[in-house]
Protein backbone atom coordinates (compact mmCIF):
# COMPACT_ATOMS: atom_id res chain seq x y z
CA MET A 1 -0.02 0.01 0.01
CA HIS A 2 2.71 2.32 0.92
CA LEU A 3 4.48 1.47 -2.40
CA ILE A 4 1.29 2.27 -4.37
CA ALA A 5 0.84 5.58 -2.53
CA PHE A 6 4.44 6.53 -3.15
CA SER A 7 4.16 5.68 -6.88
CA ALA A 8 1.02 7.81 -7.17
CA TRP A 9 2.69 10.67 -5.51
CA VAL A 10 5.67 10.36 -7.85
CA LEU A 11 3.26 10.37 -10.86
CA ILE A 12 1.38 13.51 -9.63
CA MET A 13 4.65 15.40 -9.20
CA SER A 14 5.87 14.25 -12.65
CA LEU A 15 2.60 15.57 -14.16
CA LEU A 16 2.89 18.92 -12.34
CA ASP A 17 6.45 19.31 -13.62
CA GLN A 18 5.31 18.74 -17.24
CA VAL A 19 2.43 21.22 -17.33
CA SER A 20 3.15 23.88 -19.93
CA GLY A 21 2.86 27.61 -19.41
CA LEU A 22 -0.66 29.27 -20.05
CA SER A 23 -1.27 30.41 -23.63
CA THR A 24 -4.00 32.83 -24.81
CA ILE A 25 -6.12 32.52 -27.95
CA VAL A 26 -8.54 35.30 -29.06
CA GLY A 27 -11.54 34.35 -31.10
CA LYS A 28 -14.38 36.34 -32.66
CA TYR A 29 -17.86 36.06 -31.52
CA GLY A 30 -19.99 33.89 -33.74
CA GLU A 31 -17.06 32.55 -35.76
CA THR A 32 -15.00 29.24 -35.48
CA VAL A 33 -12.19 29.19 -32.98
CA GLU A 34 -9.33 26.75 -33.11
CA VAL A 35 -7.48 25.95 -29.90
CA PRO A 36 -4.06 24.21 -30.36
CA CYS A 37 -3.28 21.12 -28.32
CA ASN A 38 0.46 21.76 -27.86
CA LYS A 39 3.17 23.95 -29.17
CA GLY A 40 4.30 21.40 -31.68
CA ASP A 41 6.90 19.82 -29.25
CA ILE A 42 5.32 16.41 -29.67
CA LYS A 43 4.47 14.93 -32.98
CA PRO A 44 0.87 13.67 -33.34
CA GLU A 45 2.03 10.07 -34.21
CA ASP A 46 3.95 9.86 -30.91
CA ILE A 47 0.82 10.74 -28.83
CA MET A 48 -0.86 7.68 -27.45
CA ILE A 49 -3.80 9.34 -25.66
CA ALA A 50 -5.08 12.92 -25.96
CA LYS A 51 -7.77 14.51 -23.74
CA TRP A 52 -9.50 18.05 -23.73
CA LYS A 53 -10.93 19.22 -20.51
CA TYR A 54 -11.77 22.34 -18.42
CA THR A 55 -12.42 23.23 -14.87
CA LYS A 56 -15.67 24.80 -13.72
CA VAL A 57 -15.99 27.64 -11.32
CA ASP A 58 -16.80 25.31 -8.45
CA GLY A 59 -13.55 23.25 -9.23
CA THR A 60 -15.26 20.42 -11.08
CA ILE A 61 -13.26 19.06 -14.00
CA ILE A 62 -15.25 18.48 -17.15
CA ASP A 63 -13.81 16.12 -19.88
CA ILE A 64 -14.74 17.29 -23.22
CA LEU A 65 -13.29 14.54 -25.41
CA THR A 66 -10.78 11.63 -25.33
CA LYS A 67 -8.79 10.34 -28.31
CA SER A 68 -6.46 7.26 -28.40
CA LYS A 69 -4.01 6.50 -31.06
CA SER A 70 -6.01 3.57 -32.40
CA GLN A 71 -9.47 5.06 -31.91
CA ASN A 72 -11.52 8.10 -33.02
CA ALA A 73 -12.23 10.90 -30.69
CA SER A 74 -14.97 10.27 -28.24
CA PHE A 75 -16.97 13.37 -27.28
CA ASN A 76 -18.83 13.65 -24.11
CA LYS A 77 -22.29 15.05 -24.03
CA ILE A 78 -22.00 18.71 -22.92
CA VAL A 79 -25.00 20.84 -23.62
CA GLU A 80 -23.13 24.19 -24.05
CA TYR A 81 -20.97 22.51 -26.77
CA GLU A 82 -23.48 20.31 -28.43
CA GLY A 83 -22.91 20.24 -32.19
CA ARG A 84 -20.11 22.74 -32.13
CA LEU A 85 -16.98 20.70 -31.40
CA SER A 86 -14.45 19.01 -33.67
CA LEU A 87 -10.92 17.72 -33.44
CA THR A 88 -8.25 18.18 -36.17
CA LYS A 89 -5.47 15.88 -37.16
CA ASP A 90 -2.98 17.77 -34.94
CA LEU A 91 -5.45 17.41 -32.02
CA SER A 92 -6.44 21.03 -32.01
CA LEU A 93 -10.02 21.71 -30.70
CA GLN A 94 -12.34 23.62 -32.96
CA ILE A 95 -15.27 25.43 -31.61
CA SER A 96 -17.82 26.78 -34.11
CA GLN A 97 -20.22 29.70 -33.54
CA ALA A 98 -18.13 31.01 -30.63
CA LYS A 99 -20.10 32.39 -27.59
CA ILE A 100 -19.07 34.53 -24.69
CA ALA A 101 -19.68 31.35 -22.49
CA ASP A 102 -16.74 29.75 -24.36
CA GLN A 103 -14.35 32.08 -22.61
CA LYS A 104 -12.47 29.74 -20.22
CA THR A 105 -9.20 27.92 -19.88
CA LEU A 106 -9.16 24.67 -21.91
CA THR A 107 -6.50 22.11 -21.14
CA CYS A 108 -5.19 19.50 -23.57
CA MET A 109 -3.50 16.55 -21.80
CA VAL A 110 -1.47 14.12 -23.86
CA VAL A 111 0.37 10.82 -23.07
CA ALA A 112 3.47 10.18 -25.08
CA GLY A 113 5.37 7.06 -24.09
CA THR A 114 5.74 7.20 -20.28
CA ASP A 115 5.23 10.92 -20.11
CA ILE A 116 2.10 12.95 -19.53
CA PHE A 117 1.83 16.63 -20.66
CA GLU A 118 -0.86 19.31 -20.19
CA TYR A 119 -1.23 22.48 -22.28
CA PRO A 120 -3.66 24.93 -20.77
CA VAL A 121 -5.00 27.62 -23.18
CA GLN A 122 -6.88 30.75 -22.14
CA LEU A 123 -9.71 31.26 -24.75
CA ILE A 124 -10.99 34.90 -25.06
CA ILE A 125 -13.96 35.79 -27.27
CA GLN A 126 -14.23 39.35 -28.55
CA LYS A 127 -17.07 41.17 -30.28
CA ALA A 128 -17.06 44.70 -31.72
CA PRO A 129 -20.02 46.87 -30.66
CA SER A 130 -22.72 48.06 -33.01
CA PRO A 131 -22.42 51.66 -34.27
CA PRO A 132 -23.21 54.28 -31.59
CA THR A 133 -26.86 55.15 -31.04
CA ILE A 134 -27.93 58.61 -29.88
CA THR A 135 -31.05 58.80 -27.69
CA ASN A 136 -32.70 61.35 -25.46
CA GLN A 137 -31.29 64.30 -27.44
CA SER A 138 -32.35 67.62 -26.26
CA LYS A 139 -33.71 70.12 -28.72
CA VAL A 140 -33.44 73.31 -26.62
CA ILE A 141 -31.11 74.06 -23.75
CA GLU A 142 -30.89 76.98 -21.39
CA LEU A 143 -27.88 79.04 -21.25
CA GLY A 144 -25.47 78.19 -18.36
CA GLN A 145 -27.66 75.39 -16.96
CA LEU A 146 -26.29 71.91 -16.64
CA THR A 147 -28.61 70.07 -19.05
CA THR A 148 -28.63 66.54 -20.47
CA LEU A 149 -27.68 66.89 -24.10
CA ALA A 150 -27.99 63.26 -25.15
CA GLU A 151 -27.19 59.61 -24.43
CA CYS A 152 -24.78 57.55 -26.48
CA SER A 153 -25.02 53.71 -26.55
CA ALA A 154 -22.68 51.03 -27.85
CA LYS A 155 -24.38 47.63 -27.68
CA ASP A 156 -23.36 43.95 -27.97
CA ALA A 157 -19.70 44.17 -27.32
CA ASN A 158 -17.10 42.09 -25.56
CA PRO A 159 -15.30 43.35 -23.72
CA SER A 160 -17.46 46.45 -23.01
CA ALA A 161 -16.84 49.51 -25.19
CA ASN A 162 -15.43 52.85 -24.07
CA ILE A 163 -17.37 56.00 -25.04
CA THR A 164 -15.83 59.52 -25.40
CA TRP A 165 -17.74 62.76 -25.91
CA LEU A 166 -16.30 65.43 -28.17
CA LYS A 167 -17.12 69.03 -28.89
CA ASP A 168 -15.84 70.21 -32.32
CA ASN A 169 -13.57 67.12 -32.30
CA VAL A 170 -12.07 67.98 -28.91
CA PRO A 171 -12.59 65.45 -26.13
CA LEU A 172 -14.70 66.73 -23.23
CA VAL A 173 -13.27 66.31 -19.70
CA VAL A 174 -15.53 65.90 -16.74
CA ASP A 175 -15.33 68.84 -14.28
CA GLY A 176 -18.66 68.57 -12.60
CA LYS A 177 -19.64 72.18 -13.51
CA VAL A 178 -19.72 72.44 -17.29
CA VAL A 179 -19.26 68.81 -18.25
CA ASN A 180 -20.63 65.72 -16.47
CA ILE A 181 -20.62 62.28 -18.00
CA THR A 182 -22.38 59.21 -16.55
CA LEU A 183 -21.24 55.80 -17.75
CA THR A 184 -23.42 52.61 -17.53
CA VAL A 185 -22.41 49.11 -18.50
CA GLN A 186 -24.93 46.23 -18.65
CA THR A 187 -24.48 42.54 -19.60
CA ASP A 188 -27.07 40.64 -21.62
CA LYS A 189 -28.05 37.57 -19.56
CA ASP A 190 -28.61 35.44 -22.70
CA THR A 191 -25.59 36.49 -24.80
CA GLY A 192 -23.16 37.62 -22.28
CA LEU A 193 -22.44 40.74 -24.35
CA SER A 194 -22.07 44.14 -22.85
CA ASN A 195 -24.16 47.29 -23.53
CA THR A 196 -22.41 50.55 -22.68
CA SER A 197 -24.32 53.82 -22.24
CA SER A 198 -22.94 57.32 -21.67
CA LYS A 199 -25.04 60.30 -20.66
CA LEU A 200 -23.57 63.88 -21.35
CA GLU A 201 -24.65 66.82 -19.17
CA TYR A 202 -23.39 70.24 -20.36
CA ALA A 203 -23.70 73.86 -19.41
CA ALA A 204 -23.75 75.73 -22.72
CA THR A 205 -22.53 79.28 -23.52
CA LYS A 206 -23.49 81.48 -26.45
CA ALA A 207 -20.41 80.29 -28.20
CA ASP A 208 -21.86 76.74 -28.34
CA MET A 209 -24.68 77.89 -30.62
CA ASN A 210 -23.10 76.28 -33.64
CA ALA A 211 -20.86 73.74 -31.78
CA LYS A 212 -20.95 70.20 -33.07
CA PHE A 213 -21.12 67.43 -30.51
CA THR A 214 -20.26 63.71 -31.20
CA CYS A 215 -19.64 60.51 -29.31
CA SER A 216 -16.82 58.17 -30.24
CA VAL A 217 -16.79 54.45 -29.41
CA HIS A 218 -13.46 52.72 -28.76
CA HIS A 219 -12.99 48.87 -28.65
CA LYS A 220 -10.08 46.47 -28.70
CA SER A 221 -11.30 44.65 -31.76
CA LEU A 222 -11.96 47.69 -33.82
CA ALA A 223 -9.35 48.96 -36.37
CA SER A 224 -10.68 52.46 -35.90
CA ASP A 225 -13.24 54.20 -33.73
CA LEU A 226 -16.94 54.50 -34.45
CA VAL A 227 -18.25 58.11 -34.40
CA SER A 228 -21.81 59.28 -34.31
CA ALA A 229 -23.32 61.85 -36.61
CA PRO A 230 -22.64 65.43 -35.26
CA MET A 231 -25.36 67.08 -33.09
CA THR A 232 -26.10 70.82 -32.74
CA PHE A 233 -28.41 72.38 -30.17
CA ILE A 234 -30.57 75.44 -29.92
CA ILE A 235 -29.50 77.52 -26.87
CA HIS A 236 -32.01 79.93 -25.26
CA TYR A 237 -30.68 83.10 -23.64
CA PRO A 238 -32.23 86.45 -22.92
CA SER A 239 -31.34 89.54 -24.91
CA GLU A 240 -28.49 91.75 -23.59
CA LYS A 241 -28.01 94.12 -26.54
CA VAL A 242 -30.49 95.86 -28.86
CA SER A 243 -29.54 97.54 -32.15
CA LEU A 244 -31.40 99.61 -34.73
CA GLN A 245 -30.46 99.98 -38.30
CA VAL A 246 -31.77 101.56 -41.51
CA VAL A 247 -32.29 98.84 -44.05
CA SER A 248 -33.25 101.23 -46.91
CA VAL A 249 -30.63 101.84 -49.71
CA ASP A 250 -28.48 105.01 -49.27
CA PRO A 251 -28.74 107.79 -49.92
CA ILE A 252 -32.17 108.49 -48.60
CA LYS A 253 -33.97 111.19 -50.43
CA GLU A 254 -37.06 113.17 -49.86
CA GLY A 255 -40.06 111.18 -50.82
CA ASP A 256 -38.46 107.79 -50.15
CA ASN A 257 -39.89 105.14 -47.86
CA VAL A 258 -37.50 104.27 -45.11
CA THR A 259 -37.54 101.03 -43.09
CA LEU A 260 -36.14 100.78 -39.58
CA LYS A 261 -35.18 97.36 -38.25
CA CYS A 262 -34.76 96.50 -34.59
CA ALA A 263 -32.69 93.53 -33.50
CA ALA A 264 -31.71 91.89 -30.22
CA ASP A 265 -29.13 89.29 -29.46
CA GLY A 266 -31.36 87.01 -27.53
CA ASN A 267 -32.35 83.52 -28.61
CA PRO A 268 -35.10 83.15 -29.63
CA PRO A 269 -35.23 86.88 -30.69
CA PRO A 270 -38.07 89.04 -29.49
CA THR A 271 -41.15 89.09 -31.70
CA SER A 272 -42.28 92.66 -30.79
CA TYR A 273 -40.44 95.97 -30.35
CA ASN A 274 -41.12 99.55 -29.28
CA PHE A 275 -40.05 102.13 -31.90
CA HIS A 276 -39.55 105.67 -30.69
CA ILE A 277 -40.44 107.92 -33.65
CA LYS A 278 -39.98 111.63 -32.91
CA GLU A 279 -41.08 111.35 -29.22
CA LYS A 280 -43.87 109.01 -30.20
CA LYS A 281 -43.73 105.32 -29.15
CA VAL A 282 -45.06 102.69 -31.63
CA THR A 283 -45.23 99.00 -30.69
CA THR A 284 -45.04 96.47 -33.46
CA GLU A 285 -46.56 93.04 -32.98
CA ASN A 286 -44.81 90.04 -34.54
CA SER A 287 -42.49 92.30 -36.55
CA ASP A 288 -39.09 93.85 -36.10
CA THR A 289 -39.45 96.63 -38.65
CA TYR A 290 -41.25 100.02 -38.94
CA THR A 291 -41.54 101.89 -42.19
CA LEU A 292 -41.57 105.77 -42.55
CA THR A 293 -43.38 106.68 -45.72
CA GLY A 294 -42.63 109.70 -47.94
CA VAL A 295 -39.85 111.15 -45.74
CA THR A 296 -38.95 114.77 -45.79
CA ARG A 297 -35.97 116.79 -44.60
CA ALA A 298 -37.89 117.21 -41.28
CA ASP A 299 -37.61 113.48 -40.62
CA SER A 300 -33.83 113.71 -40.25
CA GLY A 301 -32.69 112.94 -36.75
CA GLU A 302 -32.12 110.18 -34.22
CA TYR A 303 -34.43 107.14 -33.83
CA LYS A 304 -34.64 104.49 -31.10
CA CYS A 305 -36.15 101.10 -30.42
CA SER A 306 -36.45 98.99 -27.25
CA LEU A 307 -37.67 95.72 -25.89
CA VAL A 308 -41.27 95.59 -25.00
CA ASP A 309 -40.64 93.82 -21.69
CA ASN A 310 -37.50 95.82 -20.87
CA GLU A 311 -37.42 99.38 -22.19
CA GLY A 312 -34.00 99.85 -20.64
CA LYS A 313 -32.53 97.77 -23.44
CA THR A 314 -32.48 100.14 -26.35
CA GLY A 315 -30.76 100.65 -29.72
CA SER A 316 -30.45 103.93 -31.81
CA THR A 317 -29.41 105.16 -35.13
CA SER A 318 -29.39 108.54 -36.94
CA LEU A 319 -31.33 109.26 -40.19
CA THR A 320 -30.30 111.85 -42.75
CA VAL A 321 -32.82 112.76 -45.47
CA MET A 322 -31.08 114.28 -48.52
CA TYR A 323 -32.74 117.31 -50.19
CA LEU A 324 -32.08 119.69 -53.03
CA ASP A 325 -33.70 122.91 -54.04
CA ILE A 326 -32.79 125.23 -56.85
CA ALA A 327 -34.19 128.78 -57.25
CA ASN A 328 -33.71 132.05 -59.02
CA ILE A 329 -32.31 130.23 -61.96
CA THR A 330 -32.30 131.56 -65.45
CA ARG A 331 -34.88 129.63 -67.60
CA GLY A 332 -36.68 129.79 -70.80
CA LYS A 333 -35.75 131.93 -73.87
CA ILE A 334 -33.29 134.73 -73.40
CA THR A 335 -32.72 137.43 -76.02
CA LYS A 336 -29.67 139.72 -75.65
CA ASN A 337 -28.07 142.29 -77.94
CA LEU A 338 -24.63 142.06 -79.32
CA SER A 339 -21.87 143.34 -76.94
CA GLU A 340 -24.35 143.43 -74.01
CA SER A 341 -23.30 141.84 -70.70
CA PHE A 342 -25.00 138.78 -69.22
CA GLU A 343 -24.66 136.41 -66.20
CA ALA A 344 -26.81 133.38 -65.53
CA MET A 345 -28.53 133.16 -62.13
CA LEU A 346 -28.65 130.14 -59.78
CA MET A 347 -29.40 129.64 -56.18
CA VAL A 348 -28.88 126.15 -54.54
CA ASN A 349 -30.26 124.92 -51.20
CA ALA A 350 -29.14 121.32 -50.39
CA SER A 351 -28.44 119.00 -47.48
CA GLU A 352 -24.73 119.12 -48.30
CA ASN A 353 -22.40 120.63 -50.91
CA ALA A 354 -24.00 120.11 -54.31
CA GLN A 355 -22.22 119.55 -57.55
CA VAL A 356 -23.16 122.06 -60.36
CA LEU A 357 -22.40 121.36 -64.01
CA TRP A 358 -23.12 123.82 -66.86
CA THR A 359 -23.14 122.86 -70.47
CA LYS A 360 -23.68 124.79 -73.70
CA ASP A 361 -25.03 122.63 -76.54
CA ASN A 362 -24.00 119.63 -74.54
CA ILE A 363 -20.45 120.69 -74.21
CA ARG A 364 -19.24 121.15 -70.67
CA LEU A 365 -18.41 124.66 -69.46
CA ASN A 366 -15.73 125.59 -66.87
CA GLY A 367 -18.20 127.49 -64.86
CA LYS A 368 -21.47 129.54 -64.74
CA PRO A 369 -22.13 131.41 -67.98
CA LYS A 370 -21.00 135.05 -67.56
CA PHE A 371 -20.15 137.42 -70.35
CA ASP A 372 -18.89 140.98 -70.39
CA LYS A 373 -19.63 141.45 -74.13
CA LEU A 374 -21.87 138.93 -75.84
CA LYS A 375 -20.96 137.53 -79.22
CA TYR A 376 -23.12 135.88 -81.78
CA SER A 377 -21.21 132.66 -80.99
CA ASP A 378 -22.61 132.79 -77.38
CA SER A 379 -26.05 131.95 -78.60
CA GLY A 380 -27.18 128.37 -77.79
CA VAL A 381 -28.82 126.02 -75.33
CA TYR A 382 -27.53 126.27 -71.81
CA GLU A 383 -28.28 123.56 -69.25
CA CYS A 384 -27.52 123.39 -65.53
CA VAL A 385 -27.37 119.97 -63.73
CA VAL A 386 -27.34 120.21 -59.93
CA SER A 387 -26.79 116.92 -57.88
CA VAL A 388 -26.35 115.88 -54.39
CA GLY A 389 -26.39 112.28 -53.25
CA GLY A 390 -28.98 110.63 -55.45
CA LEU A 391 -30.83 113.78 -56.17
CA VAL A 392 -30.52 115.53 -59.49
CA LYS A 393 -32.27 118.66 -60.74
CA LYS A 394 -31.96 120.30 -64.10
CA ALA A 395 -32.78 123.73 -65.64
CA SER A 396 -32.00 125.18 -69.05
CA PHE A 397 -32.44 128.38 -71.10
CA VAL A 398 -31.96 129.22 -74.75
CA MET A 399 -30.06 132.43 -75.36
CA SER A 400 -30.22 134.27 -78.60
CA VAL A 401 -27.73 137.13 -79.22
CA GLN A 402 -29.22 139.55 -81.78
CA GLY A 403 -27.80 142.52 -83.71
CA ALA A 404 -28.22 144.51 -86.93
CA PRO A 405 -26.52 143.10 -90.00
CA VAL A 406 -23.00 144.18 -91.08
CA ILE A 407 -21.13 143.19 -94.24
CA THR A 408 -17.63 142.29 -93.17
CA MET A 409 -16.35 141.27 -96.62
CA LEU A 410 -17.41 141.81 -100.31
CA THR A 411 -15.12 140.12 -102.85
CA LYS A 412 -15.10 139.05 -106.51
CA ARG A 413 -13.25 136.46 -108.51
CA GLY A 414 -13.40 134.93 -111.95
CA SER A 415 -12.57 135.68 -115.66
CA ASN A 416 -13.94 135.84 -119.21
CA GLY A 417 -16.68 138.13 -118.14
CA HIS A 418 -17.97 135.90 -115.40
CA LYS A 419 -17.64 137.12 -111.83
CA ILE A 420 -18.44 135.26 -108.66
CA LEU A 421 -19.39 137.73 -105.95
CA SER A 422 -19.15 136.80 -102.30
CA CYS A 423 -20.93 138.84 -99.61
CA LYS A 424 -20.07 137.84 -96.06
CA ALA A 425 -22.45 139.26 -93.40
CA GLU A 426 -22.85 139.13 -89.64
CA GLY A 427 -26.06 139.67 -87.80
CA SER A 428 -28.90 137.94 -85.90
CA PRO A 429 -31.58 136.98 -86.80
CA LYS A 430 -30.12 135.63 -89.94
CA PRO A 431 -29.79 138.45 -92.51
CA THR A 432 -31.34 138.08 -95.91
CA VAL A 433 -29.52 139.35 -99.09
CA GLN A 434 -30.49 141.54 -101.93
CA TRP A 435 -28.25 142.10 -104.98
CA SER A 436 -28.51 145.06 -107.32
CA ILE A 437 -28.01 142.86 -110.28
CA ASN A 438 -29.48 139.60 -111.44
CA GLY A 439 -27.14 136.64 -111.58
CA THR A 440 -27.06 132.85 -111.49
CA ASN A 441 -25.93 130.11 -109.07
CA ALA A 442 -27.11 132.05 -106.07
CA THR A 443 -25.95 130.14 -102.94
CA GLU A 444 -25.58 130.71 -99.21
CA SER A 445 -23.50 129.09 -96.50
CA SER A 446 -24.74 127.74 -93.25
CA PHE A 447 -25.70 130.32 -90.66
CA VAL A 448 -23.03 129.74 -87.93
CA ASP A 449 -22.40 131.97 -84.93
CA GLY A 450 -24.23 134.89 -86.63
CA THR A 451 -22.27 134.67 -89.93
CA VAL A 452 -23.50 133.80 -93.36
CA VAL A 453 -21.91 134.02 -96.80
CA TYR A 454 -23.96 134.72 -100.00
CA ASN A 455 -22.52 133.97 -103.43
CA LEU A 456 -23.73 135.14 -106.88
CA THR A 457 -22.33 134.62 -110.43
CA VAL A 458 -22.79 137.55 -112.75
CA THR A 459 -21.80 138.33 -116.40
CA ALA A 460 -20.18 141.71 -116.61
CA ALA A 461 -20.76 143.90 -119.74
CA GLY A 462 -18.65 146.93 -119.22
CA ASN A 463 -17.93 148.66 -116.07
CA LEU A 464 -20.53 148.00 -113.32
CA THR A 465 -21.01 148.92 -109.60
CA ILE A 466 -22.88 146.13 -107.85
CA ASN A 467 -24.48 146.51 -104.38
CA CYS A 468 -24.94 143.78 -101.78
CA THR A 469 -27.59 144.66 -99.19
CA VAL A 470 -28.29 142.48 -96.17
CA SER A 471 -31.09 143.02 -93.73
CA ASN A 472 -33.03 141.59 -90.72
CA GLY A 473 -35.59 142.90 -88.39
CA LEU A 474 -33.02 145.18 -86.67
CA GLY A 475 -31.74 147.01 -89.75
CA TYR A 476 -29.90 146.74 -93.02
CA TYR A 477 -26.46 147.29 -94.51
CA THR A 478 -25.19 147.99 -98.03
CA LYS A 479 -21.81 147.65 -99.61
CA SER A 480 -20.75 148.16 -103.25
CA ILE A 481 -18.11 146.71 -105.49
CA ASP A 482 -17.05 147.64 -109.02
CA ILE A 483 -16.39 145.22 -111.84
CA SER A 484 -15.33 145.77 -115.47
CA THR A 485 -14.79 143.59 -118.59
CA LEU A 486 -11.50 143.86 -120.62
CA LEU A 487 -11.01 143.09 -124.40
CA ASP A 488 -11.35 139.47 -125.44
CA GLU A 489 -7.88 139.57 -127.08
CA THR A 490 -6.27 140.41 -123.75
CA THR A 491 -4.23 137.42 -122.71
CA MET A 492 -5.29 135.42 -119.73
CA GLY A 493 -2.19 136.52 -117.91
CA GLU A 494 -2.88 140.23 -118.61
CA ARG A 495 -6.53 139.80 -117.62
CA GLU A 496 -5.44 138.37 -114.31
CA MET A 497 -2.94 141.28 -113.79
CA LEU A 498 -5.64 143.71 -114.79
CA GLU A 499 -8.22 142.17 -112.49
CA ASP A 500 -5.70 142.23 -109.62
CA SER A 501 -5.08 146.06 -110.28
CA GLU A 502 -8.67 146.80 -111.30
CA ASP A 503 -9.57 148.65 -108.15
CA GLN A 504 -6.44 150.87 -108.32
CA THR A 505 -6.97 151.66 -112.04
CA GLN A 506 -10.51 152.63 -111.37
CA VAL A 507 -9.33 155.14 -108.76
CA VAL A 508 -6.76 156.65 -111.06
CA VAL A 509 -9.17 156.90 -113.99
CA GLY A 510 -11.77 158.53 -111.66
CA ILE A 511 -9.25 161.11 -110.57
CA ILE A 512 -8.19 162.01 -114.25
CA ILE A 513 -11.84 162.26 -115.25
CA GLY A 514 -12.55 164.42 -112.42
CA VAL A 515 -9.65 166.79 -113.24
CA ILE A 516 -10.93 167.07 -116.87
CA LEU A 517 -14.43 167.75 -115.79
CA VAL A 518 -13.22 170.48 -113.44
CA ALA A 519 -11.11 172.09 -116.29
CA LEU A 520 -14.09 171.97 -118.54
CA ALA A 521 -16.30 173.55 -116.00
CA ILE A 522 -13.79 176.37 -115.49
CA GLY A 523 -13.37 176.99 -119.26
CA LEU A 524 -17.10 177.01 -119.82
CA ALA A 525 -17.54 179.52 -117.01
CA TYR A 526 -14.77 181.68 -118.31
CA TRP A 527 -16.31 181.55 -121.89
CA ILE A 528 -19.69 182.67 -120.66
CA TYR A 529 -18.02 185.42 -118.69
CA MET A 530 -16.14 186.65 -121.77
CA LYS A 531 -19.21 186.44 -123.93
CA ARG A 532 -21.19 188.58 -121.56
CA THR A 533 -18.26 190.95 -121.29
CA ARG A 534 -18.19 191.35 -125.06
CA GLU A 535 -21.92 191.90 -125.22
CA GLY A 536 -21.42 194.65 -122.76
CA THR A 537 -18.61 196.07 -124.89
CA TRP A 538 -20.82 196.07 -127.88
CA ARG A 539 -23.28 197.97 -126.04
CA ILE A 540 -20.78 200.66 -125.43
CA GLY A 541 -19.52 200.51 -128.94
CA GLU A 542 -16.36 198.35 -128.50
CA LYS A 543 -15.13 195.80 -131.08
CA GLU A 544 -16.75 192.45 -131.13
CA ASN A 545 -13.58 190.55 -130.81
CA GLY A 546 -12.68 192.01 -127.55
CA THR A 547 -9.18 192.84 -126.53
CA GLN A 548 -6.20 190.97 -127.74
CA GLU A 549 -5.39 189.55 -124.28
CA GLU A 550 -8.94 188.09 -123.91
CA SER A 551 -8.67 186.41 -127.28
CA LYS A 552 -5.52 184.62 -126.34
CA LYS A 553 -7.04 183.21 -123.14
CA LEU A 554 -10.10 181.98 -125.02
CA GLU A 555 -7.96 180.20 -127.56
CA GLU A 556 -6.00 178.49 -124.80
CA ILE A 557 -9.20 177.19 -123.20
CA GLN A 558 -10.48 175.93 -126.54
CA SER A 559 -7.27 174.17 -127.28
CA GLN A 560 -7.55 172.17 -123.97
CA LYS A 561 -10.94 170.72 -124.96
CA PRO A 562 -10.69 167.16 -126.20
């Protein structure tokens, strides 16, 4: 008996010495897990007996299967493994449809020759959680109050998942005042999987109005984290500032409709406001605007608005209404005499410095029309454009400078008896022309700046004096020109020379003729005198022939006659 006991003790110690170190195998939930029997130290053909077993919590050893070298594996009836176990050629244990209950230490015991070996393996089953689920999300939160924003859940995981809350991708840290996070982990009794839930309580500020909150799930079996869709929240807070603005387009002119808009920084914003319009308070219901219709310059000034429930919260703005008046301005039709002085009149009354632009016949002038001595060229359409802001006013007048006509030039040109006469006249209204001779090809130039040129072609027959007479309602003016025709055999060159000197020749001829006429007149007078003298002599009985001295004088006069 002592020998048997000693032999058993030696066997137990031998077995304990040959137990291998604990290995760990990780399998995925619902898939097939393979647990190796040994580390390859013993070849399968050298193993005589192999057994898989595990130890229950209460210490009970449960044999799963036994396999001898000459027999197939014999599986024990275990409910939790029913239909899920198989043994490979290298004696590895395969477990299909792995469950959380399969997490335990499985031991493979082998007998090789006279040695017994045990290979314990720790089997761990992991399962990634489902995507995060957001529940109990708040729609509206109050400013500065610790409020539950939402709950984030990660279900059916093993081991349990970790949940992190983020604001704008920055993890939130619990401080008990602004951030508070409550974590709950529950295990499903049927599956053994864990459900993790995290509740976020947060005290929001105005800056969080557009902040994006997310929850992120971390797990050992995940290659990357699972992140929920971003959440935003409406934050309610009272108004602290009120502002008033003019929403109409600048500049505001007399006659415009002007809309005032009141705004407050509260959320939600107020629906009604008080508008203070020239010491008068107007309350708008369900509106933040008030419109002034047909404003005038008297509406310029400061305007205010306030909260209905707190009139101490006010906003203000100033309104400037642009205006423009022009008076005492020269208008209509203006008639002035040549060389008369003239200055256009204009008086401007505007909300600010106005821009004044004068034009004459659409050409810009450097300043207001002012003339010391008017010329015909000063006639035209004058327009004044006065502008300030978006206001524009215009006025115009038509000035006509009038004067009696004057001929400034009377010329002739041509040959072979044909002369083209040009009569240039100034005056306004436009002068008409009257020639003292009939002619052909009568033409006239355009009437520009009080000047017009009349042309007439005439055929000269001898020496002629031709008059050009121009007239209008204010008077008339006449000027003459002499023309003559030379012999046809005169060469063209001579004719041109004669025509060039025609005026001088006429003057010389005129002088000679005048001298001859004077001499004739003197001779005739002397002859009459002598005749009368003789008649007197006869009356006293003197000779008819007169004295000898008188006869000589009479002969000299007679000899000078042509």
